[in-house]
Amino acid sequence: MPSSAKPKKLFVSNRSRAFPGKIAICGGAGRLGRLAVRRLHRTDEVTVIDARLFENRPADVEHLRSELVRKETRNLFRRRHVNAVVYLGPHYGETMDVYDDEWTSRSIEGFARLLEYCNRYDVGKVVVMSSADIYGARAHNPQFLTEEAPLLGNGMAALRDIDMMAQSFFWKRPDVETVILRPAHLVGDVA
């Protein structure tokens, strides 16, 4: 890219509209969420949906301290046009156990409700943070896994199910730009 070219915005701002668009960042009070909020609030109107406290957030960022299954979250989508959703994964707090069935079902129910809102209120873009860990570490895995590889990660039930729900949404609503991110952990020199 030439040095004089401006970087492309991740999301296009609609501040000039009568009803401005919004980016909803689910899990924005976490470490990765804070980075995303600080980057996106400069160009777009951002609302963080997170039940955790979000101290020292930028002044122009709205924080809806709620879970995804709550009426307040539905009202955000119903009353304001949300253009894009960034879902940063289920909340892993000190009191949450990824092997706990109640935590798993709450995480899956929350994400299902979020996809329902995206479908009902015509959200144009959905970005879902998953993980390459859902493929599982297997001795017979090829060096490079394709997206068609089976999801065999142990102890990743919530993340695996959320990833599969996002894939289904991708095919169910081809008009919605759906992106599933599966970052992988790297050890050693990557150059």
N, C-alpha and C. Protein backbone atom coordinates (compact mmCIF):
# COMPACT_ATOMS: atom_id res chain seq x y z
N MET A 1 0.86 -1.17 0.00
CA MET A 1 0.00 0.00 0.00
C MET A 1 0.90 1.23 0.00
N PRO A 2 0.64 2.18 -0.88
CA PRO A 2 1.45 3.39 -0.90
C PRO A 2 1.36 4.13 0.43
N SER A 3 2.44 4.81 0.80
CA SER A 3 2.47 5.50 2.08
C SER A 3 1.47 6.64 2.15
N SER A 4 1.05 7.18 1.00
CA SER A 4 0.10 8.28 0.99
C SER A 4 -1.35 7.80 1.09
N ALA A 5 -1.60 6.50 0.92
CA ALA A 5 -2.97 5.98 0.98
C ALA A 5 -3.44 5.93 2.43
N LYS A 6 -4.70 6.28 2.63
CA LYS A 6 -5.28 6.23 3.96
C LYS A 6 -5.70 4.80 4.27
N PRO A 7 -5.55 4.36 5.54
CA PRO A 7 -6.00 3.02 5.87
C PRO A 7 -7.52 2.93 5.76
N LYS A 8 -7.99 1.78 5.32
CA LYS A 8 -9.42 1.56 5.17
C LYS A 8 -10.07 1.40 6.54
N LYS A 9 -11.22 2.03 6.75
CA LYS A 9 -11.94 1.89 8.01
C LYS A 9 -12.50 0.48 8.11
N LEU A 10 -12.47 -0.08 9.32
CA LEU A 10 -13.04 -1.40 9.53
C LEU A 10 -14.55 -1.35 9.34
N PHE A 11 -15.17 -0.33 9.85
CA PHE A 11 -16.60 -0.14 9.70
C PHE A 11 -16.83 1.28 9.19
N VAL A 12 -17.82 1.44 8.35
CA VAL A 12 -18.13 2.76 7.81
C VAL A 12 -19.07 3.47 8.77
N SER A 13 -18.74 4.68 9.13
CA SER A 13 -19.56 5.44 10.06
C SER A 13 -20.74 6.06 9.33
N ASN A 14 -21.88 6.09 9.99
CA ASN A 14 -23.08 6.68 9.43
C ASN A 14 -23.54 7.87 10.27
N ARG A 15 -22.62 8.62 10.82
CA ARG A 15 -22.98 9.71 11.72
C ARG A 15 -23.79 10.80 11.03
N SER A 16 -23.72 10.87 9.70
CA SER A 16 -24.46 11.90 8.99
C SER A 16 -25.93 11.53 8.83
N ARG A 17 -26.32 10.32 9.11
CA ARG A 17 -27.72 9.91 8.98
C ARG A 17 -28.56 10.49 10.11
N ALA A 18 -29.87 10.51 9.89
CA ALA A 18 -30.78 10.97 10.94
C ALA A 18 -30.74 10.03 12.14
N PHE A 19 -30.57 8.73 11.89
CA PHE A 19 -30.44 7.74 12.95
C PHE A 19 -29.06 7.11 12.81
N PRO A 20 -28.06 7.62 13.53
CA PRO A 20 -26.69 7.16 13.33
C PRO A 20 -26.53 5.68 13.63
N GLY A 21 -25.61 5.04 12.91
CA GLY A 21 -25.32 3.64 13.12
C GLY A 21 -24.43 3.43 14.32
N LYS A 22 -24.37 2.20 14.76
CA LYS A 22 -23.58 1.86 15.93
C LYS A 22 -22.82 0.57 15.69
N ILE A 23 -21.72 0.43 16.41
CA ILE A 23 -21.02 -0.84 16.52
C ILE A 23 -21.24 -1.31 17.94
N ALA A 24 -21.77 -2.52 18.11
CA ALA A 24 -21.93 -3.11 19.43
C ALA A 24 -20.79 -4.10 19.63
N ILE A 25 -20.01 -3.89 20.69
CA ILE A 25 -18.90 -4.78 21.00
C ILE A 25 -19.28 -5.58 22.24
N CYS A 26 -19.54 -6.86 22.04
CA CYS A 26 -19.93 -7.75 23.14
C CYS A 26 -18.66 -8.30 23.77
N GLY A 27 -18.45 -7.98 25.03
CA GLY A 27 -17.22 -8.37 25.70
C GLY A 27 -16.17 -7.27 25.64
N GLY A 28 -16.62 -6.05 25.45
CA GLY A 28 -15.70 -4.92 25.29
C GLY A 28 -14.98 -4.49 26.54
N ALA A 29 -15.37 -5.00 27.71
CA ALA A 29 -14.70 -4.61 28.95
C ALA A 29 -13.47 -5.47 29.22
N GLY A 30 -13.25 -6.50 28.43
CA GLY A 30 -12.08 -7.35 28.59
C GLY A 30 -10.85 -6.71 27.96
N ARG A 31 -9.73 -7.41 28.06
CA ARG A 31 -8.46 -6.87 27.56
C ARG A 31 -8.50 -6.61 26.05
N LEU A 32 -8.90 -7.60 25.25
CA LEU A 32 -8.98 -7.42 23.81
C LEU A 32 -10.07 -6.42 23.44
N GLY A 33 -11.17 -6.47 24.16
CA GLY A 33 -12.28 -5.55 23.92
C GLY A 33 -11.88 -4.10 24.11
N ARG A 34 -11.10 -3.82 25.13
CA ARG A 34 -10.64 -2.45 25.38
C ARG A 34 -9.81 -1.94 24.22
N LEU A 35 -8.97 -2.80 23.66
CA LEU A 35 -8.17 -2.40 22.50
C LEU A 35 -9.07 -2.10 21.30
N ALA A 36 -10.05 -2.95 21.07
CA ALA A 36 -10.98 -2.74 19.95
C ALA A 36 -11.78 -1.45 20.14
N VAL A 37 -12.24 -1.22 21.36
CA VAL A 37 -13.01 0.00 21.64
C VAL A 37 -12.17 1.24 21.39
N ARG A 38 -10.96 1.26 21.89
CA ARG A 38 -10.09 2.43 21.73
C ARG A 38 -9.78 2.70 20.26
N ARG A 39 -9.72 1.67 19.45
CA ARG A 39 -9.46 1.86 18.01
C ARG A 39 -10.72 2.30 17.26
N LEU A 40 -11.85 1.67 17.55
CA LEU A 40 -13.06 1.91 16.77
C LEU A 40 -13.81 3.18 17.15
N HIS A 41 -13.71 3.63 18.39
CA HIS A 41 -14.50 4.79 18.80
C HIS A 41 -14.02 6.07 18.11
N ARG A 42 -12.83 6.05 17.54
CA ARG A 42 -12.32 7.23 16.84
C ARG A 42 -13.06 7.51 15.54
N THR A 43 -13.60 6.46 14.92
CA THR A 43 -14.26 6.62 13.62
C THR A 43 -15.73 6.24 13.64
N ASP A 44 -16.17 5.54 14.66
CA ASP A 44 -17.55 5.05 14.70
C ASP A 44 -18.16 5.23 16.08
N GLU A 45 -19.47 5.14 16.14
CA GLU A 45 -20.20 5.21 17.41
C GLU A 45 -20.22 3.81 18.01
N VAL A 46 -19.67 3.68 19.21
CA VAL A 46 -19.47 2.37 19.82
C VAL A 46 -20.29 2.23 21.09
N THR A 47 -20.93 1.06 21.23
CA THR A 47 -21.58 0.67 22.47
C THR A 47 -20.99 -0.65 22.92
N VAL A 48 -20.57 -0.71 24.17
CA VAL A 48 -20.03 -1.94 24.74
C VAL A 48 -21.15 -2.64 25.50
N ILE A 49 -21.33 -3.92 25.21
CA ILE A 49 -22.29 -4.75 25.94
C ILE A 49 -21.47 -5.73 26.76
N ASP A 50 -21.46 -5.53 28.06
CA ASP A 50 -20.65 -6.38 28.93
C ASP A 50 -21.16 -6.21 30.36
N ALA A 51 -21.38 -7.31 31.05
CA ALA A 51 -21.86 -7.24 32.42
C ALA A 51 -20.76 -6.81 33.39
N ARG A 52 -19.51 -6.86 32.94
CA ARG A 52 -18.39 -6.45 33.79
C ARG A 52 -18.25 -4.93 33.80
N LEU A 53 -17.62 -4.42 34.83
CA LEU A 53 -17.33 -3.00 34.95
C LEU A 53 -16.32 -2.60 33.88
N PHE A 54 -16.52 -1.44 33.28
CA PHE A 54 -15.60 -0.94 32.24
C PHE A 54 -15.14 0.44 32.67
N GLU A 55 -14.09 0.47 33.50
CA GLU A 55 -13.56 1.74 33.98
C GLU A 55 -12.66 2.37 32.92
N ASN A 56 -12.53 3.68 32.99
CA ASN A 56 -11.64 4.46 32.11
C ASN A 56 -11.94 4.27 30.63
N ARG A 57 -13.21 4.09 30.30
CA ARG A 57 -13.57 3.98 28.89
C ARG A 57 -13.61 5.37 28.28
N PRO A 58 -13.45 5.51 26.97
CA PRO A 58 -13.55 6.82 26.34
C PRO A 58 -14.92 7.44 26.61
N ALA A 59 -14.96 8.75 26.74
CA ALA A 59 -16.19 9.46 27.12
C ALA A 59 -17.33 9.26 26.13
N ASP A 60 -17.01 9.07 24.85
CA ASP A 60 -18.06 8.94 23.86
C ASP A 60 -18.53 7.49 23.66
N VAL A 61 -18.04 6.57 24.47
CA VAL A 61 -18.43 5.16 24.36
C VAL A 61 -19.50 4.86 25.39
N GLU A 62 -20.62 4.34 24.92
CA GLU A 62 -21.71 3.93 25.80
C GLU A 62 -21.42 2.52 26.32
N HIS A 63 -21.72 2.29 27.61
CA HIS A 63 -21.52 0.97 28.19
C HIS A 63 -22.86 0.46 28.70
N LEU A 64 -23.35 -0.60 28.08
CA LEU A 64 -24.57 -1.26 28.53
C LEU A 64 -24.12 -2.43 29.41
N ARG A 65 -24.24 -2.24 30.71
CA ARG A 65 -23.77 -3.26 31.66
C ARG A 65 -24.88 -4.30 31.82
N SER A 66 -24.87 -5.24 30.90
CA SER A 66 -25.94 -6.22 30.82
C SER A 66 -25.43 -7.49 30.17
N GLU A 67 -26.15 -8.57 30.35
CA GLU A 67 -25.85 -9.81 29.65
C GLU A 67 -26.65 -9.83 28.35
N LEU A 68 -26.24 -10.68 27.42
CA LEU A 68 -26.88 -10.72 26.11
C LEU A 68 -28.33 -11.18 26.16
N VAL A 69 -28.70 -11.94 27.16
CA VAL A 69 -30.07 -12.47 27.25
C VAL A 69 -31.05 -11.48 27.89
N ARG A 70 -30.58 -10.36 28.34
CA ARG A 70 -31.43 -9.39 29.04
C ARG A 70 -32.23 -8.51 28.10
N LYS A 71 -33.33 -8.00 28.61
CA LYS A 71 -34.21 -7.11 27.83
C LYS A 71 -33.48 -5.84 27.41
N GLU A 72 -32.57 -5.34 28.24
CA GLU A 72 -31.84 -4.11 27.91
C GLU A 72 -31.04 -4.27 26.62
N THR A 73 -30.48 -5.45 26.42
CA THR A 73 -29.70 -5.70 25.21
C THR A 73 -30.61 -5.73 23.99
N ARG A 74 -31.74 -6.40 24.10
CA ARG A 74 -32.69 -6.42 22.99
C ARG A 74 -33.15 -5.00 22.66
N ASN A 75 -33.39 -4.20 23.68
CA ASN A 75 -33.84 -2.82 23.46
C ASN A 75 -32.79 -1.98 22.73
N LEU A 76 -31.52 -2.24 23.00
CA LEU A 76 -30.46 -1.53 22.28
C LEU A 76 -30.60 -1.78 20.78
N PHE A 77 -30.79 -3.03 20.39
CA PHE A 77 -30.93 -3.36 18.98
C PHE A 77 -32.25 -2.84 18.42
N ARG A 78 -33.30 -2.89 19.22
CA ARG A 78 -34.62 -2.47 18.76
C ARG A 78 -34.72 -0.96 18.57
N ARG A 79 -34.13 -0.19 19.46
CA ARG A 79 -34.29 1.27 19.44
C ARG A 79 -33.27 1.99 18.57
N ARG A 80 -32.12 1.38 18.37
CA ARG A 80 -31.06 2.03 17.59
C ARG A 80 -30.64 1.11 16.48
N HIS A 81 -30.28 1.69 15.37
CA HIS A 81 -29.81 0.85 14.26
C HIS A 81 -28.36 0.46 14.53
N VAL A 82 -28.15 -0.80 14.84
CA VAL A 82 -26.80 -1.32 15.05
C VAL A 82 -26.32 -1.82 13.70
N ASN A 83 -25.25 -1.23 13.19
CA ASN A 83 -24.71 -1.62 11.88
C ASN A 83 -23.85 -2.87 11.97
N ALA A 84 -23.10 -3.01 13.05
CA ALA A 84 -22.14 -4.10 13.16
C ALA A 84 -22.05 -4.59 14.60
N VAL A 85 -21.77 -5.88 14.73
CA VAL A 85 -21.58 -6.50 16.03
C VAL A 85 -20.22 -7.18 16.04
N VAL A 86 -19.46 -6.95 17.11
CA VAL A 86 -18.20 -7.65 17.33
C VAL A 86 -18.40 -8.48 18.60
N TYR A 87 -18.34 -9.80 18.45
CA TYR A 87 -18.52 -10.71 19.58
C TYR A 87 -17.16 -11.29 19.93
N LEU A 88 -16.68 -10.98 21.13
CA LEU A 88 -15.32 -11.37 21.51
C LEU A 88 -15.28 -12.64 22.36
N GLY A 89 -16.29 -13.45 22.27
CA GLY A 89 -16.28 -14.75 22.92
C GLY A 89 -16.96 -14.74 24.27
N PRO A 90 -17.23 -15.92 24.80
CA PRO A 90 -17.88 -16.01 26.11
C PRO A 90 -16.96 -15.47 27.20
N HIS A 91 -17.55 -14.95 28.25
CA HIS A 91 -16.80 -14.34 29.34
C HIS A 91 -16.18 -15.42 30.22
N TYR A 92 -14.88 -15.34 30.38
CA TYR A 92 -14.16 -16.26 31.26
C TYR A 92 -13.73 -15.47 32.49
N GLY A 93 -14.57 -15.42 33.51
CA GLY A 93 -14.25 -14.69 34.72
C GLY A 93 -13.65 -15.61 35.78
N GLU A 94 -13.31 -15.02 36.92
CA GLU A 94 -12.72 -15.81 38.00
C GLU A 94 -13.67 -16.88 38.51
N THR A 95 -14.97 -16.58 38.48
CA THR A 95 -15.95 -17.53 39.02
C THR A 95 -16.53 -18.44 37.94
N MET A 96 -16.10 -18.28 36.69
CA MET A 96 -16.63 -19.10 35.61
C MET A 96 -15.73 -20.31 35.38
N ASP A 97 -16.34 -21.44 35.15
CA ASP A 97 -15.61 -22.67 34.88
C ASP A 97 -16.04 -23.18 33.52
N VAL A 98 -15.09 -23.31 32.57
CA VAL A 98 -15.45 -23.73 31.22
C VAL A 98 -16.01 -25.14 31.17
N TYR A 99 -15.82 -25.92 32.23
CA TYR A 99 -16.37 -27.27 32.28
C TYR A 99 -17.73 -27.31 32.97
N ASP A 100 -18.20 -26.17 33.44
CA ASP A 100 -19.48 -26.07 34.13
C ASP A 100 -20.60 -26.03 33.10
N ASP A 101 -21.54 -26.94 33.20
CA ASP A 101 -22.64 -27.02 32.24
C ASP A 101 -23.51 -25.77 32.25
N GLU A 102 -23.74 -25.18 33.43
CA GLU A 102 -24.57 -23.97 33.51
C GLU A 102 -23.89 -22.81 32.78
N TRP A 103 -22.59 -22.64 32.98
CA TRP A 103 -21.85 -21.58 32.29
C TRP A 103 -21.89 -21.80 30.78
N THR A 104 -21.70 -23.04 30.34
CA THR A 104 -21.72 -23.36 28.92
C THR A 104 -23.08 -23.04 28.32
N SER A 105 -24.15 -23.46 28.98
CA SER A 105 -25.49 -23.20 28.42
C SER A 105 -25.81 -21.71 28.42
N ARG A 106 -25.38 -20.96 29.44
CA ARG A 106 -25.61 -19.51 29.45
C ARG A 106 -24.86 -18.82 28.33
N SER A 107 -23.62 -19.25 28.06
CA SER A 107 -22.84 -18.67 26.98
C SER A 107 -23.48 -18.93 25.63
N ILE A 108 -23.93 -20.15 25.42
CA ILE A 108 -24.56 -20.52 24.15
C ILE A 108 -25.90 -19.79 24.00
N GLU A 109 -26.68 -19.73 25.06
CA GLU A 109 -27.96 -19.02 25.00
C GLU A 109 -27.76 -17.54 24.69
N GLY A 110 -26.76 -16.92 25.30
CA GLY A 110 -26.48 -15.51 25.05
C GLY A 110 -26.11 -15.26 23.60
N PHE A 111 -25.26 -16.12 23.02
CA PHE A 111 -24.86 -15.95 21.63
C PHE A 111 -26.04 -16.20 20.70
N ALA A 112 -26.86 -17.19 21.01
CA ALA A 112 -28.05 -17.45 20.19
C ALA A 112 -28.97 -16.24 20.19
N ARG A 113 -29.13 -15.62 21.34
CA ARG A 113 -29.97 -14.42 21.43
C ARG A 113 -29.36 -13.29 20.62
N LEU A 114 -28.04 -13.14 20.66
CA LEU A 114 -27.37 -12.11 19.88
C LEU A 114 -27.61 -12.31 18.39
N LEU A 115 -27.48 -13.54 17.91
CA LEU A 115 -27.75 -13.81 16.49
C LEU A 115 -29.20 -13.55 16.13
N GLU A 116 -30.10 -13.82 17.06
CA GLU A 116 -31.52 -13.52 16.85
C GLU A 116 -31.71 -12.01 16.66
N TYR A 117 -31.07 -11.20 17.49
CA TYR A 117 -31.16 -9.75 17.35
C TYR A 117 -30.57 -9.30 16.01
N CYS A 118 -29.44 -9.87 15.63
CA CYS A 118 -28.80 -9.51 14.36
C CYS A 118 -29.72 -9.83 13.19
N ASN A 119 -30.41 -10.95 13.28
CA ASN A 119 -31.33 -11.36 12.23
C ASN A 119 -32.57 -10.46 12.19
N ARG A 120 -33.16 -10.24 13.34
CA ARG A 120 -34.41 -9.49 13.42
C ARG A 120 -34.23 -8.00 13.11
N TYR A 121 -33.12 -7.41 13.55
CA TYR A 121 -32.94 -5.97 13.41
C TYR A 121 -31.94 -5.60 12.31
N ASP A 122 -31.71 -6.51 11.38
CA ASP A 122 -30.93 -6.26 10.16
C ASP A 122 -29.56 -5.64 10.40
N VAL A 123 -28.78 -6.30 11.23
CA VAL A 123 -27.39 -5.89 11.42
C VAL A 123 -26.63 -6.29 10.16
N GLY A 124 -25.79 -5.40 9.65
CA GLY A 124 -25.12 -5.64 8.38
C GLY A 124 -23.83 -6.43 8.46
N LYS A 125 -23.19 -6.45 9.64
CA LYS A 125 -21.89 -7.13 9.76
C LYS A 125 -21.78 -7.76 11.14
N VAL A 126 -21.30 -9.01 11.17
CA VAL A 126 -21.10 -9.72 12.42
C VAL A 126 -19.68 -10.28 12.41
N VAL A 127 -18.89 -9.93 13.43
CA VAL A 127 -17.53 -10.45 13.58
C VAL A 127 -17.52 -11.27 14.86
N VAL A 128 -17.12 -12.54 14.74
CA VAL A 128 -17.13 -13.46 15.88
C VAL A 128 -15.70 -13.93 16.15
N MET A 129 -15.25 -13.73 17.37
CA MET A 129 -13.93 -14.20 17.79
C MET A 129 -14.09 -15.63 18.31
N SER A 130 -13.49 -16.55 17.61
CA SER A 130 -13.46 -17.94 18.03
C SER A 130 -12.02 -18.27 18.39
N SER A 131 -11.57 -19.46 18.10
CA SER A 131 -10.19 -19.85 18.38
C SER A 131 -9.83 -21.06 17.54
N ALA A 132 -8.59 -21.16 17.13
CA ALA A 132 -8.13 -22.36 16.43
C ALA A 132 -8.09 -23.56 17.38
N ASP A 133 -8.19 -23.32 18.68
CA ASP A 133 -8.19 -24.41 19.66
C ASP A 133 -9.38 -25.34 19.48
N ILE A 134 -10.45 -24.87 18.85
CA ILE A 134 -11.62 -25.73 18.69
C ILE A 134 -11.36 -26.91 17.77
N TYR A 135 -10.28 -26.85 16.97
CA TYR A 135 -9.92 -27.99 16.12
C TYR A 135 -9.31 -29.11 16.94
N GLY A 136 -8.75 -28.77 18.08
CA GLY A 136 -8.14 -29.78 18.94
C GLY A 136 -6.72 -30.09 18.51
N ALA A 137 -5.89 -30.39 19.48
CA ALA A 137 -4.50 -30.78 19.21
C ALA A 137 -4.47 -32.29 19.04
N ARG A 138 -4.30 -32.73 17.82
CA ARG A 138 -4.28 -34.16 17.51
C ARG A 138 -2.96 -34.50 16.81
N ALA A 139 -2.40 -35.63 17.15
CA ALA A 139 -1.12 -36.04 16.55
C ALA A 139 -1.22 -36.24 15.05
N HIS A 140 -2.40 -36.58 14.55
CA HIS A 140 -2.57 -36.87 13.12
C HIS A 140 -3.09 -35.66 12.34
N ASN A 141 -3.20 -34.51 12.97
CA ASN A 141 -3.62 -33.30 12.25
C ASN A 141 -2.55 -32.93 11.22
N PRO A 142 -2.96 -32.48 10.06
CA PRO A 142 -1.96 -31.97 9.11
C PRO A 142 -1.36 -30.67 9.64
N GLN A 143 -0.26 -30.24 9.03
CA GLN A 143 0.40 -29.02 9.49
C GLN A 143 -0.53 -27.82 9.35
N PHE A 144 -1.28 -27.75 8.27
CA PHE A 144 -2.23 -26.66 8.05
C PHE A 144 -3.63 -27.24 7.97
N LEU A 145 -4.49 -26.80 8.88
CA LEU A 145 -5.87 -27.25 8.91
C LEU A 145 -6.72 -26.36 8.01
N THR A 146 -7.66 -26.95 7.31
CA THR A 146 -8.61 -26.18 6.51
C THR A 146 -9.84 -25.91 7.37
N GLU A 147 -10.71 -25.06 6.90
CA GLU A 147 -11.94 -24.77 7.65
C GLU A 147 -12.88 -25.97 7.68
N GLU A 148 -12.66 -26.94 6.80
CA GLU A 148 -13.50 -28.14 6.77
C GLU A 148 -13.06 -29.18 7.79
N ALA A 149 -11.95 -28.97 8.48
CA ALA A 149 -11.46 -29.93 9.47
C ALA A 149 -12.47 -30.05 10.60
N PRO A 150 -12.63 -31.26 11.15
CA PRO A 150 -13.60 -31.44 12.24
C PRO A 150 -13.19 -30.66 13.49
N LEU A 151 -14.19 -30.23 14.24
CA LEU A 151 -13.95 -29.48 15.48
C LEU A 151 -13.90 -30.47 16.64
N LEU A 152 -12.70 -30.80 17.09
CA LEU A 152 -12.50 -31.86 18.08
C LEU A 152 -11.87 -31.37 19.37
N GLY A 153 -11.90 -30.08 19.63
CA GLY A 153 -11.28 -29.54 20.84
C GLY A 153 -12.01 -29.97 22.10
N ASN A 154 -11.28 -30.60 23.03
CA ASN A 154 -11.87 -31.02 24.30
C ASN A 154 -11.99 -29.82 25.23
N GLY A 155 -13.04 -29.78 26.02
CA GLY A 155 -13.22 -28.71 26.98
C GLY A 155 -13.58 -27.38 26.34
N MET A 156 -13.95 -27.40 25.07
CA MET A 156 -14.26 -26.16 24.34
C MET A 156 -15.71 -26.17 23.87
N ALA A 157 -16.60 -26.80 24.62
CA ALA A 157 -17.98 -27.00 24.17
C ALA A 157 -18.66 -25.67 23.84
N ALA A 158 -18.56 -24.68 24.71
CA ALA A 158 -19.23 -23.41 24.46
C ALA A 158 -18.66 -22.73 23.22
N LEU A 159 -17.35 -22.67 23.13
CA LEU A 159 -16.72 -22.01 21.99
C LEU A 159 -16.99 -22.76 20.69
N ARG A 160 -16.95 -24.09 20.75
CA ARG A 160 -17.24 -24.90 19.56
C ARG A 160 -18.68 -24.68 19.09
N ASP A 161 -19.63 -24.70 20.01
CA ASP A 161 -21.03 -24.51 19.64
C ASP A 161 -21.29 -23.10 19.12
N ILE A 162 -20.65 -22.11 19.73
CA ILE A 162 -20.79 -20.73 19.26
C ILE A 162 -20.23 -20.60 17.85
N ASP A 163 -19.09 -21.21 17.61
CA ASP A 163 -18.49 -21.18 16.27
C ASP A 163 -19.43 -21.82 15.25
N MET A 164 -20.00 -22.96 15.59
CA MET A 164 -20.91 -23.65 14.67
C MET A 164 -22.19 -22.84 14.43
N MET A 165 -22.67 -22.15 15.47
CA MET A 165 -23.85 -21.29 15.30
C MET A 165 -23.53 -20.12 14.37
N ALA A 166 -22.34 -19.57 14.50
CA ALA A 166 -21.93 -18.47 13.61
C ALA A 166 -21.83 -18.97 12.17
N GLN A 167 -21.33 -20.19 11.98
CA GLN A 167 -21.26 -20.76 10.63
C GLN A 167 -22.66 -20.93 10.05
N SER A 168 -23.60 -21.40 10.86
CA SER A 168 -24.98 -21.57 10.39
C SER A 168 -25.60 -20.22 10.03
N PHE A 169 -25.33 -19.21 10.85
CA PHE A 169 -25.84 -17.87 10.56
C PHE A 169 -25.26 -17.35 9.25
N PHE A 170 -23.99 -17.63 9.01
CA PHE A 170 -23.31 -17.22 7.78
C PHE A 170 -24.07 -17.74 6.55
N TRP A 171 -24.51 -19.00 6.60
CA TRP A 171 -25.22 -19.59 5.46
C TRP A 171 -26.69 -19.19 5.44
N LYS A 172 -27.28 -19.00 6.61
CA LYS A 172 -28.70 -18.63 6.69
C LYS A 172 -28.93 -17.20 6.19
N ARG A 173 -28.00 -16.29 6.49
CA ARG A 173 -28.13 -14.88 6.11
C ARG A 173 -26.93 -14.45 5.27
N PRO A 174 -26.88 -14.85 3.99
CA PRO A 174 -25.73 -14.48 3.16
C PRO A 174 -25.62 -12.98 2.91
N ASP A 175 -26.71 -12.24 3.15
CA ASP A 175 -26.68 -10.79 2.98
C ASP A 175 -25.96 -10.08 4.12
N VAL A 176 -25.75 -10.76 5.24
CA VAL A 176 -25.02 -10.20 6.38
C VAL A 176 -23.56 -10.63 6.26
N GLU A 177 -22.66 -9.67 6.26
CA GLU A 177 -21.24 -9.99 6.20
C GLU A 177 -20.83 -10.59 7.54
N THR A 178 -20.56 -11.89 7.53
CA THR A 178 -20.21 -12.60 8.77
C THR A 178 -18.77 -13.07 8.69
N VAL A 179 -18.00 -12.71 9.70
CA VAL A 179 -16.58 -13.06 9.75
C VAL A 179 -16.34 -13.83 11.04
N ILE A 180 -15.72 -15.01 10.90
CA ILE A 180 -15.37 -15.81 12.07
C ILE A 180 -13.84 -15.82 12.16
N LEU A 181 -13.31 -15.29 13.23
CA LEU A 181 -11.86 -15.24 13.44
C LEU A 181 -11.44 -16.42 14.31
N ARG A 182 -10.44 -17.17 13.86
CA ARG A 182 -9.92 -18.29 14.63
C ARG A 182 -8.41 -18.14 14.80
N PRO A 183 -7.99 -17.22 15.67
CA PRO A 183 -6.54 -17.04 15.85
C PRO A 183 -5.91 -18.27 16.50
N ALA A 184 -4.65 -18.48 16.17
CA ALA A 184 -3.90 -19.62 16.70
C ALA A 184 -2.74 -19.11 17.54
N HIS A 185 -2.38 -19.87 18.55
CA HIS A 185 -1.22 -19.57 19.38
C HIS A 185 0.03 -19.96 18.61
N LEU A 186 1.02 -19.12 18.60
CA LEU A 186 2.27 -19.41 17.90
C LEU A 186 3.41 -19.44 18.91
N VAL A 187 4.29 -20.38 18.76
CA VAL A 187 5.47 -20.49 19.60
C VAL A 187 6.70 -20.46 18.70
N GLY A 188 7.62 -19.60 19.02
CA GLY A 188 8.85 -19.54 18.23
C GLY A 188 8.83 -18.42 17.21
N ASP A 189 9.82 -18.45 16.33
CA ASP A 189 9.99 -17.44 15.31
C ASP A 189 8.94 -17.60 14.22
N VAL A 190 8.22 -16.53 13.91
CA VAL A 190 7.18 -16.58 12.88
C VAL A 190 7.64 -15.91 11.59
N ALA A 191 8.85 -15.40 11.56
CA ALA A 191 9.34 -14.70 10.36
C ALA A 191 9.79 -15.64 9.29
